[in-house]
Each structure stands twice: as structure tokens, then as C-alpha cells.
Amino acid sequence: MRRIPYLLIFLVIISSAYAGPVYKWTDEKGVVNYSDDYNKIPPAYRNRSEVEKWEDIQKPETPSPAPLQKSEEAKTDTYSHEESYWRGRVRPWKEQLKQATANYEAANKKYTEKLNEMSAKEQLSRTQHQMGTTELHSLNEEKMRCKAQIEEANRMLEKISKEANEAKANPEWLK
């Protein structure tokens, strides 16, 4: 029973002798954080991290990784989102905008052609007039659906752009 405390003290001394570097950084809230793994430091704080020196460690100090260069620093925003995150958020809305714009232009072209066709004919039977009016109404509804999709895509792209700006993401990632 007397050997257990000595064993614990021995293990603590041995483990501290083989300890690696300890990194220290302060986050935006002023909280001091520590980690023994450089990769666990959030990218936004890596250039501000310090290697904590322990007086009782006999092991020679290992050099800390080089500070991040500007090109590496710009690979994430303040929330550690990478370029792929932002491109993934923007892509579906850009595709919807492109598709909805193409559909709107096609529906508008058909609508204009049908309107010109109906006005070019001098005499239309009642049935022809009703069928033409029904087709115009249908094309107009399609144009309105496409316009709503265009507006929705533009709203979402604007919202994502504001979020990216707040996160200090590279504006190129949204293109």
C-alpha cells in the first residue's frame, strides 16, 4: 500500500520529462487556452500562439512550427470555414439563378411570340382566342414562377455574401 504513492510520483516525474511543447493562445473573449497539439489551435490564432516553457522539463525544447504565412492564413475565415464551405453554399443558388433566368427568358420569348401571333391574325374564332388567351396566361404564370426563383436566389446570394463578409471570408470564394 505504501508503494502506490511512490509509484504515482514516479509516473508523474517520468511523464513530465517526456512532455512535448505546450502551445498557449488567447481567444477573442480573452480566454487563455493551452494545447499540446499545434493542429488543435484554431487557424485564426496560430500566428499568435506561443510555446509555453516549463522550468522542470529536462528535455531540450523542440522548435515550434513556423508561423503561418499570409497565404495559409487566408485559407479559412474567422469561424474556420474553408473556401470549399463557402463555394458549397453559393453553388446551388448560382445554379438556381442561372436556370431560372434561362427559363424566364424562354417563357418570355414564347409569350411574346404568341402575343405577336395572335395580334397578327385579323380574325380569330372564339375558340382560337380562348386557346391563345389560355396559353398566354400559362406562359405568364411560368414567367412569374421563374421570377420568384430568381428573386429567391438573389436574396440568398446576398445573405451568404453578408455572412461571408462578417466572417471575413475571402470574397473570391463566393465567385
N, C-alpha and C. Protein backbone atom coordinates (compact mmCIF):
# COMPACT_ATOMS: atom_id res chain seq x y z
N MET A 1 0.82 -1.18 0.00
CA MET A 1 0.00 0.00 0.00
C MET A 1 0.87 1.26 0.00
N ARG A 2 2.03 1.18 0.66
CA ARG A 2 2.93 2.32 0.74
C ARG A 2 3.57 2.62 -0.61
N ARG A 3 3.63 1.64 -1.48
CA ARG A 3 4.30 1.80 -2.77
C ARG A 3 3.47 2.60 -3.78
N ILE A 4 2.17 2.63 -3.63
CA ILE A 4 1.30 3.31 -4.61
C ILE A 4 1.61 4.80 -4.71
N PRO A 5 1.73 5.55 -3.60
CA PRO A 5 2.06 6.98 -3.75
C PRO A 5 3.41 7.18 -4.44
N TYR A 6 4.40 6.32 -4.11
CA TYR A 6 5.71 6.46 -4.73
C TYR A 6 5.63 6.16 -6.24
N LEU A 7 4.82 5.18 -6.57
CA LEU A 7 4.63 4.84 -7.98
C LEU A 7 3.98 5.99 -8.74
N LEU A 8 2.97 6.60 -8.15
CA LEU A 8 2.30 7.74 -8.80
C LEU A 8 3.25 8.91 -8.98
N ILE A 9 4.03 9.22 -7.96
CA ILE A 9 5.00 10.32 -8.07
C ILE A 9 6.02 10.01 -9.17
N PHE A 10 6.50 8.78 -9.20
CA PHE A 10 7.45 8.36 -10.23
C PHE A 10 6.85 8.54 -11.63
N LEU A 11 5.59 8.11 -11.82
CA LEU A 11 4.94 8.23 -13.14
C LEU A 11 4.77 9.69 -13.54
N VAL A 12 4.44 10.55 -12.61
CA VAL A 12 4.29 11.98 -12.92
C VAL A 12 5.62 12.58 -13.35
N ILE A 13 6.69 12.22 -12.64
CA ILE A 13 8.01 12.75 -12.98
C ILE A 13 8.45 12.23 -14.35
N ILE A 14 8.25 10.97 -14.61
CA ILE A 14 8.64 10.37 -15.89
C ILE A 14 7.83 10.98 -17.03
N SER A 15 6.53 11.10 -16.83
CA SER A 15 5.69 11.62 -17.92
C SER A 15 6.00 13.07 -18.22
N SER A 16 6.33 13.88 -17.21
CA SER A 16 6.65 15.28 -17.47
C SER A 16 7.99 15.42 -18.17
N ALA A 17 8.89 14.47 -17.96
CA ALA A 17 10.19 14.53 -18.62
C ALA A 17 10.05 14.28 -20.12
N TYR A 18 9.03 13.58 -20.54
CA TYR A 18 8.83 13.28 -21.95
C TYR A 18 7.75 14.15 -22.58
N ALA A 19 7.33 15.17 -21.90
CA ALA A 19 6.27 16.04 -22.43
C ALA A 19 6.78 16.82 -23.63
N GLY A 20 5.90 17.05 -24.57
CA GLY A 20 6.23 17.85 -25.74
C GLY A 20 5.94 19.31 -25.47
N PRO A 21 6.05 20.14 -26.48
CA PRO A 21 5.77 21.56 -26.29
C PRO A 21 4.28 21.78 -25.97
N VAL A 22 4.03 22.82 -25.23
CA VAL A 22 2.66 23.22 -24.90
C VAL A 22 2.44 24.59 -25.53
N TYR A 23 1.40 24.71 -26.32
CA TYR A 23 1.09 25.96 -27.01
C TYR A 23 0.04 26.74 -26.24
N LYS A 24 0.23 28.04 -26.18
CA LYS A 24 -0.66 28.92 -25.44
C LYS A 24 -1.15 30.01 -26.38
N TRP A 25 -2.46 30.29 -26.34
CA TRP A 25 -3.02 31.39 -27.12
C TRP A 25 -4.23 31.95 -26.39
N THR A 26 -4.58 33.18 -26.73
CA THR A 26 -5.72 33.85 -26.13
C THR A 26 -6.75 34.09 -27.21
N ASP A 27 -8.00 33.67 -26.98
CA ASP A 27 -9.05 33.85 -27.99
C ASP A 27 -9.64 35.26 -27.90
N GLU A 28 -10.63 35.55 -28.77
CA GLU A 28 -11.20 36.90 -28.84
C GLU A 28 -11.94 37.30 -27.57
N LYS A 29 -12.33 36.34 -26.74
CA LYS A 29 -13.01 36.65 -25.49
C LYS A 29 -12.02 36.87 -24.35
N GLY A 30 -10.73 36.73 -24.64
CA GLY A 30 -9.71 36.92 -23.62
C GLY A 30 -9.40 35.67 -22.82
N VAL A 31 -9.94 34.52 -23.24
CA VAL A 31 -9.70 33.27 -22.53
C VAL A 31 -8.37 32.68 -22.99
N VAL A 32 -7.52 32.34 -22.01
CA VAL A 32 -6.23 31.73 -22.32
C VAL A 32 -6.44 30.23 -22.51
N ASN A 33 -5.93 29.70 -23.62
CA ASN A 33 -6.09 28.28 -23.95
C ASN A 33 -4.72 27.64 -24.10
N TYR A 34 -4.65 26.33 -23.82
CA TYR A 34 -3.43 25.56 -23.94
C TYR A 34 -3.70 24.30 -24.75
N SER A 35 -2.70 23.86 -25.50
CA SER A 35 -2.80 22.61 -26.23
C SER A 35 -1.40 22.06 -26.45
N ASP A 36 -1.29 20.73 -26.45
CA ASP A 36 -0.01 20.13 -26.76
C ASP A 36 0.08 19.74 -28.23
N ASP A 37 -0.98 20.01 -28.98
CA ASP A 37 -1.03 19.69 -30.40
C ASP A 37 -1.26 20.97 -31.19
N TYR A 38 -0.28 21.34 -32.00
CA TYR A 38 -0.37 22.58 -32.79
C TYR A 38 -1.59 22.58 -33.71
N ASN A 39 -1.97 21.43 -34.22
CA ASN A 39 -3.11 21.33 -35.13
C ASN A 39 -4.45 21.57 -34.45
N LYS A 40 -4.48 21.51 -33.13
CA LYS A 40 -5.73 21.77 -32.40
C LYS A 40 -5.94 23.26 -32.14
N ILE A 41 -4.95 24.06 -32.45
CA ILE A 41 -5.11 25.51 -32.31
C ILE A 41 -5.95 26.00 -33.48
N PRO A 42 -7.03 26.75 -33.24
CA PRO A 42 -7.82 27.28 -34.35
C PRO A 42 -6.93 28.09 -35.29
N PRO A 43 -7.09 27.94 -36.59
CA PRO A 43 -6.22 28.62 -37.55
C PRO A 43 -6.12 30.13 -37.33
N ALA A 44 -7.16 30.75 -36.87
CA ALA A 44 -7.15 32.20 -36.67
C ALA A 44 -6.17 32.61 -35.56
N TYR A 45 -5.81 31.69 -34.67
CA TYR A 45 -4.95 32.02 -33.54
C TYR A 45 -3.55 31.44 -33.65
N ARG A 46 -3.28 30.70 -34.69
CA ARG A 46 -1.98 30.03 -34.81
C ARG A 46 -0.83 31.03 -34.88
N ASN A 47 -1.03 32.14 -35.56
CA ASN A 47 0.06 33.11 -35.68
C ASN A 47 0.29 33.87 -34.38
N ARG A 48 -0.64 33.75 -33.42
CA ARG A 48 -0.49 34.42 -32.13
C ARG A 48 -0.14 33.44 -31.01
N SER A 49 0.05 32.18 -31.34
CA SER A 49 0.34 31.19 -30.29
C SER A 49 1.78 31.30 -29.83
N GLU A 50 2.01 30.88 -28.59
CA GLU A 50 3.35 30.88 -28.02
C GLU A 50 3.65 29.48 -27.50
N VAL A 51 4.93 29.14 -27.47
CA VAL A 51 5.33 27.87 -26.88
C VAL A 51 5.56 28.15 -25.40
N GLU A 52 4.81 27.47 -24.56
CA GLU A 52 4.93 27.65 -23.11
C GLU A 52 6.16 26.90 -22.63
N LYS A 53 7.00 27.57 -21.86
CA LYS A 53 8.23 26.94 -21.36
C LYS A 53 8.01 26.48 -19.94
N TRP A 54 8.36 25.24 -19.68
CA TRP A 54 8.23 24.67 -18.36
C TRP A 54 9.63 24.52 -17.79
N GLU A 55 9.86 25.04 -16.61
CA GLU A 55 11.18 25.03 -15.99
C GLU A 55 11.64 23.63 -15.59
N ASP A 56 10.69 22.77 -15.19
CA ASP A 56 11.08 21.46 -14.68
C ASP A 56 11.29 20.41 -15.77
N ILE A 57 11.11 20.76 -17.02
CA ILE A 57 11.30 19.80 -18.11
C ILE A 57 12.77 19.77 -18.49
N GLN A 58 13.34 18.59 -18.49
CA GLN A 58 14.75 18.41 -18.79
C GLN A 58 15.00 18.19 -20.28
N LYS A 59 13.94 17.86 -21.00
CA LYS A 59 14.05 17.57 -22.42
C LYS A 59 14.36 18.85 -23.18
N PRO A 60 15.25 18.80 -24.16
CA PRO A 60 15.54 20.01 -24.93
C PRO A 60 14.28 20.49 -25.65
N GLU A 61 14.15 21.78 -25.74
CA GLU A 61 12.95 22.36 -26.34
C GLU A 61 12.92 22.07 -27.84
N THR A 62 11.77 21.63 -28.32
CA THR A 62 11.62 21.39 -29.75
C THR A 62 11.15 22.67 -30.40
N PRO A 63 11.63 22.96 -31.57
CA PRO A 63 11.21 24.20 -32.21
C PRO A 63 9.72 24.17 -32.54
N SER A 64 9.08 25.30 -32.36
CA SER A 64 7.66 25.38 -32.69
C SER A 64 7.51 25.51 -34.19
N PRO A 65 6.39 25.09 -34.72
CA PRO A 65 6.18 25.23 -36.16
C PRO A 65 6.26 26.70 -36.56
N ALA A 66 6.67 26.92 -37.78
CA ALA A 66 6.79 28.29 -38.26
C ALA A 66 5.42 28.94 -38.28
N PRO A 67 5.38 30.24 -38.02
CA PRO A 67 4.08 30.91 -38.07
C PRO A 67 3.48 30.80 -39.46
N LEU A 68 2.19 30.84 -39.51
CA LEU A 68 1.51 30.72 -40.80
C LEU A 68 1.80 31.91 -41.68
N GLN A 69 2.01 31.65 -42.93
CA GLN A 69 2.20 32.71 -43.89
C GLN A 69 0.85 33.30 -44.25
N LYS A 70 0.84 34.43 -44.91
CA LYS A 70 -0.42 35.07 -45.31
C LYS A 70 -1.26 34.15 -46.17
N SER A 71 -0.64 33.41 -47.09
CA SER A 71 -1.41 32.55 -47.97
C SER A 71 -2.10 31.44 -47.19
N GLU A 72 -1.45 30.92 -46.15
CA GLU A 72 -2.05 29.87 -45.35
C GLU A 72 -3.14 30.46 -44.45
N GLU A 73 -2.91 31.68 -43.97
CA GLU A 73 -3.85 32.31 -43.06
C GLU A 73 -5.19 32.56 -43.75
N ALA A 74 -5.14 32.86 -45.02
CA ALA A 74 -6.34 33.20 -45.76
C ALA A 74 -7.14 31.98 -46.19
N LYS A 75 -6.72 30.78 -45.78
CA LYS A 75 -7.43 29.57 -46.19
C LYS A 75 -8.69 29.32 -45.39
N THR A 76 -8.88 30.07 -44.31
CA THR A 76 -10.10 29.94 -43.51
C THR A 76 -10.57 31.33 -43.10
N ASP A 77 -11.85 31.41 -42.75
CA ASP A 77 -12.37 32.68 -42.24
C ASP A 77 -12.25 32.67 -40.71
N THR A 78 -12.86 33.64 -40.06
CA THR A 78 -12.72 33.72 -38.59
C THR A 78 -13.42 32.58 -37.87
N TYR A 79 -14.33 31.88 -38.54
CA TYR A 79 -15.02 30.74 -37.93
C TYR A 79 -14.44 29.41 -38.39
N SER A 80 -13.27 29.46 -39.00
CA SER A 80 -12.54 28.29 -39.51
C SER A 80 -13.25 27.60 -40.67
N HIS A 81 -14.10 28.32 -41.39
CA HIS A 81 -14.71 27.77 -42.60
C HIS A 81 -13.73 27.97 -43.75
N GLU A 82 -13.58 26.93 -44.53
CA GLU A 82 -12.66 26.98 -45.66
C GLU A 82 -13.37 27.43 -46.93
N GLU A 83 -12.59 27.60 -47.97
CA GLU A 83 -13.11 28.02 -49.27
C GLU A 83 -14.19 27.06 -49.76
N SER A 84 -14.00 25.76 -49.57
CA SER A 84 -14.97 24.77 -50.05
C SER A 84 -16.33 24.96 -49.37
N TYR A 85 -16.33 25.37 -48.11
CA TYR A 85 -17.59 25.62 -47.39
C TYR A 85 -18.38 26.73 -48.08
N TRP A 86 -17.69 27.84 -48.36
CA TRP A 86 -18.38 28.98 -48.98
C TRP A 86 -18.79 28.67 -50.42
N ARG A 87 -17.93 28.02 -51.16
CA ARG A 87 -18.29 27.66 -52.54
C ARG A 87 -19.48 26.69 -52.55
N GLY A 88 -19.51 25.78 -51.59
CA GLY A 88 -20.63 24.83 -51.49
C GLY A 88 -21.94 25.52 -51.16
N ARG A 89 -21.89 26.58 -50.38
CA ARG A 89 -23.11 27.32 -50.04
C ARG A 89 -23.60 28.15 -51.22
N VAL A 90 -22.68 28.70 -52.00
CA VAL A 90 -23.04 29.59 -53.10
C VAL A 90 -23.48 28.82 -54.35
N ARG A 91 -22.85 27.68 -54.61
CA ARG A 91 -23.05 26.94 -55.85
C ARG A 91 -24.53 26.65 -56.17
N PRO A 92 -25.31 26.06 -55.25
CA PRO A 92 -26.69 25.73 -55.63
C PRO A 92 -27.54 26.97 -55.95
N TRP A 93 -27.26 28.08 -55.28
CA TRP A 93 -28.03 29.30 -55.55
C TRP A 93 -27.63 29.92 -56.88
N LYS A 94 -26.36 29.83 -57.22
CA LYS A 94 -25.94 30.32 -58.54
C LYS A 94 -26.53 29.47 -59.65
N GLU A 95 -26.58 28.15 -59.42
CA GLU A 95 -27.18 27.27 -60.41
C GLU A 95 -28.67 27.57 -60.56
N GLN A 96 -29.38 27.77 -59.44
CA GLN A 96 -30.80 28.11 -59.50
C GLN A 96 -31.00 29.42 -60.24
N LEU A 97 -30.16 30.41 -59.96
CA LEU A 97 -30.27 31.70 -60.63
C LEU A 97 -30.07 31.56 -62.13
N LYS A 98 -29.07 30.80 -62.51
CA LYS A 98 -28.78 30.60 -63.94
C LYS A 98 -29.94 29.88 -64.64
N GLN A 99 -30.43 28.79 -64.01
CA GLN A 99 -31.52 28.01 -64.60
C GLN A 99 -32.82 28.82 -64.66
N ALA A 100 -33.13 29.52 -63.59
CA ALA A 100 -34.36 30.31 -63.54
C ALA A 100 -34.32 31.45 -64.56
N THR A 101 -33.15 32.05 -64.72
CA THR A 101 -33.01 33.13 -65.71
C THR A 101 -33.21 32.59 -67.12
N ALA A 102 -32.63 31.44 -67.41
CA ALA A 102 -32.80 30.82 -68.73
C ALA A 102 -34.27 30.46 -68.96
N ASN A 103 -34.92 29.89 -67.95
CA ASN A 103 -36.35 29.53 -68.07
C ASN A 103 -37.22 30.77 -68.25
N TYR A 104 -36.90 31.83 -67.54
CA TYR A 104 -37.67 33.07 -67.66
C TYR A 104 -37.55 33.63 -69.07
N GLU A 105 -36.32 33.67 -69.58
CA GLU A 105 -36.10 34.19 -70.94
C GLU A 105 -36.84 33.35 -71.98
N ALA A 106 -36.84 32.04 -71.82
CA ALA A 106 -37.54 31.17 -72.76
C ALA A 106 -39.05 31.39 -72.69
N ALA A 107 -39.59 31.49 -71.48
CA ALA A 107 -41.03 31.72 -71.31
C ALA A 107 -41.42 33.09 -71.85
N ASN A 108 -40.58 34.07 -71.62
CA ASN A 108 -40.87 35.42 -72.11
C ASN A 108 -40.84 35.46 -73.63
N LYS A 109 -39.92 34.74 -74.23
CA LYS A 109 -39.83 34.67 -75.70
C LYS A 109 -41.10 34.02 -76.27
N LYS A 110 -41.52 32.89 -75.66
CA LYS A 110 -42.75 32.21 -76.11
C LYS A 110 -43.96 33.12 -75.94
N TYR A 111 -44.01 33.83 -74.82
CA TYR A 111 -45.13 34.73 -74.54
C TYR A 111 -45.20 35.82 -75.61
N THR A 112 -44.05 36.42 -75.92
CA THR A 112 -44.01 37.49 -76.93
C THR A 112 -44.39 36.96 -78.31
N GLU A 113 -43.88 35.77 -78.65
CA GLU A 113 -44.23 35.17 -79.95
C GLU A 113 -45.72 34.90 -80.06
N LYS A 114 -46.30 34.36 -79.00
CA LYS A 114 -47.74 34.04 -79.01
C LYS A 114 -48.56 35.32 -79.09
N LEU A 115 -48.16 36.34 -78.38
CA LEU A 115 -48.87 37.62 -78.41
C LEU A 115 -48.80 38.22 -79.81
N ASN A 116 -47.62 38.18 -80.44
CA ASN A 116 -47.46 38.69 -81.80
C ASN A 116 -48.29 37.87 -82.80
N GLU A 117 -48.30 36.56 -82.60
CA GLU A 117 -49.07 35.67 -83.48
C GLU A 117 -50.56 36.00 -83.40
N MET A 118 -51.04 36.21 -82.18
CA MET A 118 -52.47 36.49 -82.01
C MET A 118 -52.84 37.87 -82.57
N SER A 119 -51.96 38.84 -82.41
CA SER A 119 -52.28 40.18 -82.91
C SER A 119 -52.11 40.28 -84.42
N ALA A 120 -51.30 39.38 -85.03
CA ALA A 120 -51.09 39.40 -86.48
C ALA A 120 -52.29 38.87 -87.23
N LYS A 121 -53.03 37.97 -86.63
CA LYS A 121 -54.20 37.41 -87.29
C LYS A 121 -55.35 38.38 -87.15
N GLU A 122 -55.95 38.67 -88.27
CA GLU A 122 -57.05 39.64 -88.25
C GLU A 122 -58.31 39.07 -87.60
N GLN A 123 -58.64 37.89 -87.97
CA GLN A 123 -59.87 37.29 -87.47
C GLN A 123 -59.53 36.00 -86.72
N LEU A 124 -59.88 35.95 -85.45
CA LEU A 124 -59.71 34.74 -84.67
C LEU A 124 -61.09 34.26 -84.26
N SER A 125 -61.27 32.96 -84.38
CA SER A 125 -62.53 32.42 -83.89
C SER A 125 -62.53 32.52 -82.37
N ARG A 126 -63.70 32.37 -81.81
CA ARG A 126 -63.82 32.44 -80.35
C ARG A 126 -62.94 31.36 -79.69
N THR A 127 -62.93 30.16 -80.25
CA THR A 127 -62.13 29.06 -79.71
C THR A 127 -60.65 29.37 -79.81
N GLN A 128 -60.21 29.88 -80.96
CA GLN A 128 -58.81 30.24 -81.14
C GLN A 128 -58.40 31.33 -80.13
N HIS A 129 -59.26 32.28 -79.93
CA HIS A 129 -58.98 33.36 -78.99
C HIS A 129 -58.86 32.82 -77.56
N GLN A 130 -59.78 31.94 -77.18
CA GLN A 130 -59.75 31.35 -75.84
C GLN A 130 -58.49 30.50 -75.63
N MET A 131 -58.14 29.70 -76.64
CA MET A 131 -56.94 28.87 -76.54
C MET A 131 -55.69 29.74 -76.46
N GLY A 132 -55.62 30.78 -77.25
CA GLY A 132 -54.48 31.70 -77.22
C GLY A 132 -54.37 32.41 -75.88
N THR A 133 -55.49 32.85 -75.35
CA THR A 133 -55.52 33.54 -74.06
C THR A 133 -55.09 32.59 -72.94
N THR A 134 -55.56 31.35 -73.00
CA THR A 134 -55.18 30.35 -72.00
C THR A 134 -53.68 30.09 -72.06
N GLU A 135 -53.13 29.99 -73.25
CA GLU A 135 -51.70 29.76 -73.40
C GLU A 135 -50.89 30.96 -72.89
N LEU A 136 -51.35 32.17 -73.19
CA LEU A 136 -50.68 33.37 -72.68
C LEU A 136 -50.70 33.40 -71.15
N HIS A 137 -51.86 33.04 -70.59
CA HIS A 137 -51.99 33.02 -69.13
C HIS A 137 -51.00 32.00 -68.53
N SER A 138 -50.90 30.83 -69.12
CA SER A 138 -49.99 29.80 -68.65
C SER A 138 -48.53 30.25 -68.76
N LEU A 139 -48.17 30.88 -69.87
CA LEU A 139 -46.81 31.38 -70.05
C LEU A 139 -46.51 32.50 -69.05
N ASN A 140 -47.49 33.33 -68.77
CA ASN A 140 -47.29 34.41 -67.80
C ASN A 140 -47.06 33.83 -66.40
N GLU A 141 -47.80 32.80 -66.03
CA GLU A 141 -47.60 32.14 -64.73
C GLU A 141 -46.20 31.52 -64.64
N GLU A 142 -45.76 30.93 -65.73
CA GLU A 142 -44.41 30.35 -65.75
C GLU A 142 -43.35 31.44 -65.58
N LYS A 143 -43.56 32.59 -66.23
CA LYS A 143 -42.64 33.71 -66.06
C LYS A 143 -42.60 34.17 -64.61
N MET A 144 -43.76 34.22 -63.97
CA MET A 144 -43.82 34.67 -62.57
C MET A 144 -43.12 33.67 -61.63
N ARG A 145 -43.27 32.37 -61.90
CA ARG A 145 -42.58 31.36 -61.09
C ARG A 145 -41.07 31.52 -61.24
N CYS A 146 -40.63 31.71 -62.47
CA CYS A 146 -39.19 31.88 -62.72
C CYS A 146 -38.67 33.15 -62.05
N LYS A 147 -39.46 34.21 -62.12
CA LYS A 147 -39.06 35.48 -61.50
C LYS A 147 -38.93 35.31 -59.98
N ALA A 148 -39.84 34.56 -59.37
CA ALA A 148 -39.78 34.30 -57.93
C ALA A 148 -38.52 33.50 -57.59
N GLN A 149 -38.16 32.53 -58.42
CA GLN A 149 -36.95 31.75 -58.20
C GLN A 149 -35.70 32.63 -58.33
N ILE A 150 -35.72 33.53 -59.29
CA ILE A 150 -34.59 34.46 -59.48
C ILE A 150 -34.45 35.35 -58.24
N GLU A 151 -35.56 35.88 -57.75
CA GLU A 151 -35.53 36.74 -56.57
C GLU A 151 -35.04 35.98 -55.34
N GLU A 152 -35.50 34.73 -55.18
CA GLU A 152 -35.07 33.92 -54.05
C GLU A 152 -33.57 33.67 -54.11
N ALA A 153 -33.07 33.31 -55.29
CA ALA A 153 -31.63 33.04 -55.45
C ALA A 153 -30.83 34.30 -55.16
N ASN A 154 -31.27 35.43 -55.66
CA ASN A 154 -30.56 36.69 -55.41
C ASN A 154 -30.57 37.04 -53.92
N ARG A 155 -31.69 36.83 -53.24
CA ARG A 155 -31.77 37.10 -51.80
C ARG A 155 -30.79 36.21 -51.03
N MET A 156 -30.77 34.93 -51.37
CA MET A 156 -29.89 34.00 -50.67
C MET A 156 -28.41 34.31 -50.95
N LEU A 157 -28.08 34.66 -52.18
CA LEU A 157 -26.70 35.01 -52.50
C LEU A 157 -26.28 36.28 -51.75
N GLU A 158 -27.19 37.21 -51.61
CA GLU A 158 -26.90 38.43 -50.85
C GLU A 158 -26.71 38.10 -49.37
N LYS A 159 -27.56 37.22 -48.83
CA LYS A 159 -27.45 36.81 -47.43
C LYS A 159 -26.12 36.10 -47.18
N ILE A 160 -25.74 35.18 -48.07
CA ILE A 160 -24.48 34.46 -47.93
C ILE A 160 -23.31 35.44 -48.03
N SER A 161 -23.42 36.41 -48.92
CA SER A 161 -22.37 37.41 -49.07
C SER A 161 -22.19 38.21 -47.78
N LYS A 162 -23.29 38.58 -47.13
CA LYS A 162 -23.20 39.30 -45.85
C LYS A 162 -22.56 38.43 -44.78
N GLU A 163 -22.96 37.15 -44.73
CA GLU A 163 -22.38 36.22 -43.75
C GLU A 163 -20.88 36.05 -43.99
N ALA A 164 -20.50 35.95 -45.25
CA ALA A 164 -19.08 35.79 -45.59
C ALA A 164 -18.30 37.05 -45.20
N ASN A 165 -18.91 38.20 -45.42
CA ASN A 165 -18.26 39.45 -45.05
C ASN A 165 -18.06 39.53 -43.53
N GLU A 166 -19.07 39.13 -42.76
CA GLU A 166 -18.97 39.12 -41.30
C GLU A 166 -17.91 38.13 -40.82
N ALA A 167 -17.78 37.02 -41.53
CA ALA A 167 -16.79 36.00 -41.16
C ALA A 167 -15.40 36.32 -41.71
N LYS A 168 -15.30 37.43 -42.44
CA LYS A 168 -14.04 37.85 -43.05
C LYS A 168 -13.50 36.79 -44.00
N ALA A 169 -14.41 36.17 -44.76
CA ALA A 169 -14.02 35.18 -45.76
C ALA A 169 -13.51 35.92 -46.99
N ASN A 170 -12.66 35.27 -47.73
CA ASN A 170 -12.13 35.84 -48.95
C ASN A 170 -13.25 36.01 -49.95
N PRO A 171 -13.49 37.21 -50.47
CA PRO A 171 -14.59 37.44 -51.43
C PRO A 171 -14.47 36.59 -52.69
N GLU A 172 -13.26 36.18 -53.04
CA GLU A 172 -13.06 35.34 -54.22
C GLU A 172 -13.75 33.99 -54.07
N TRP A 173 -13.97 33.54 -52.83
CA TRP A 173 -14.57 32.24 -52.58
C TRP A 173 -16.04 32.22 -52.98
N LEU A 174 -16.64 33.37 -53.15
CA LEU A 174 -18.05 33.42 -53.49
C LEU A 174 -18.29 33.49 -54.98
N LYS A 175 -17.23 33.53 -55.73
CA LYS A 175 -17.37 33.63 -57.19
C LYS A 175 -17.49 32.30 -57.83
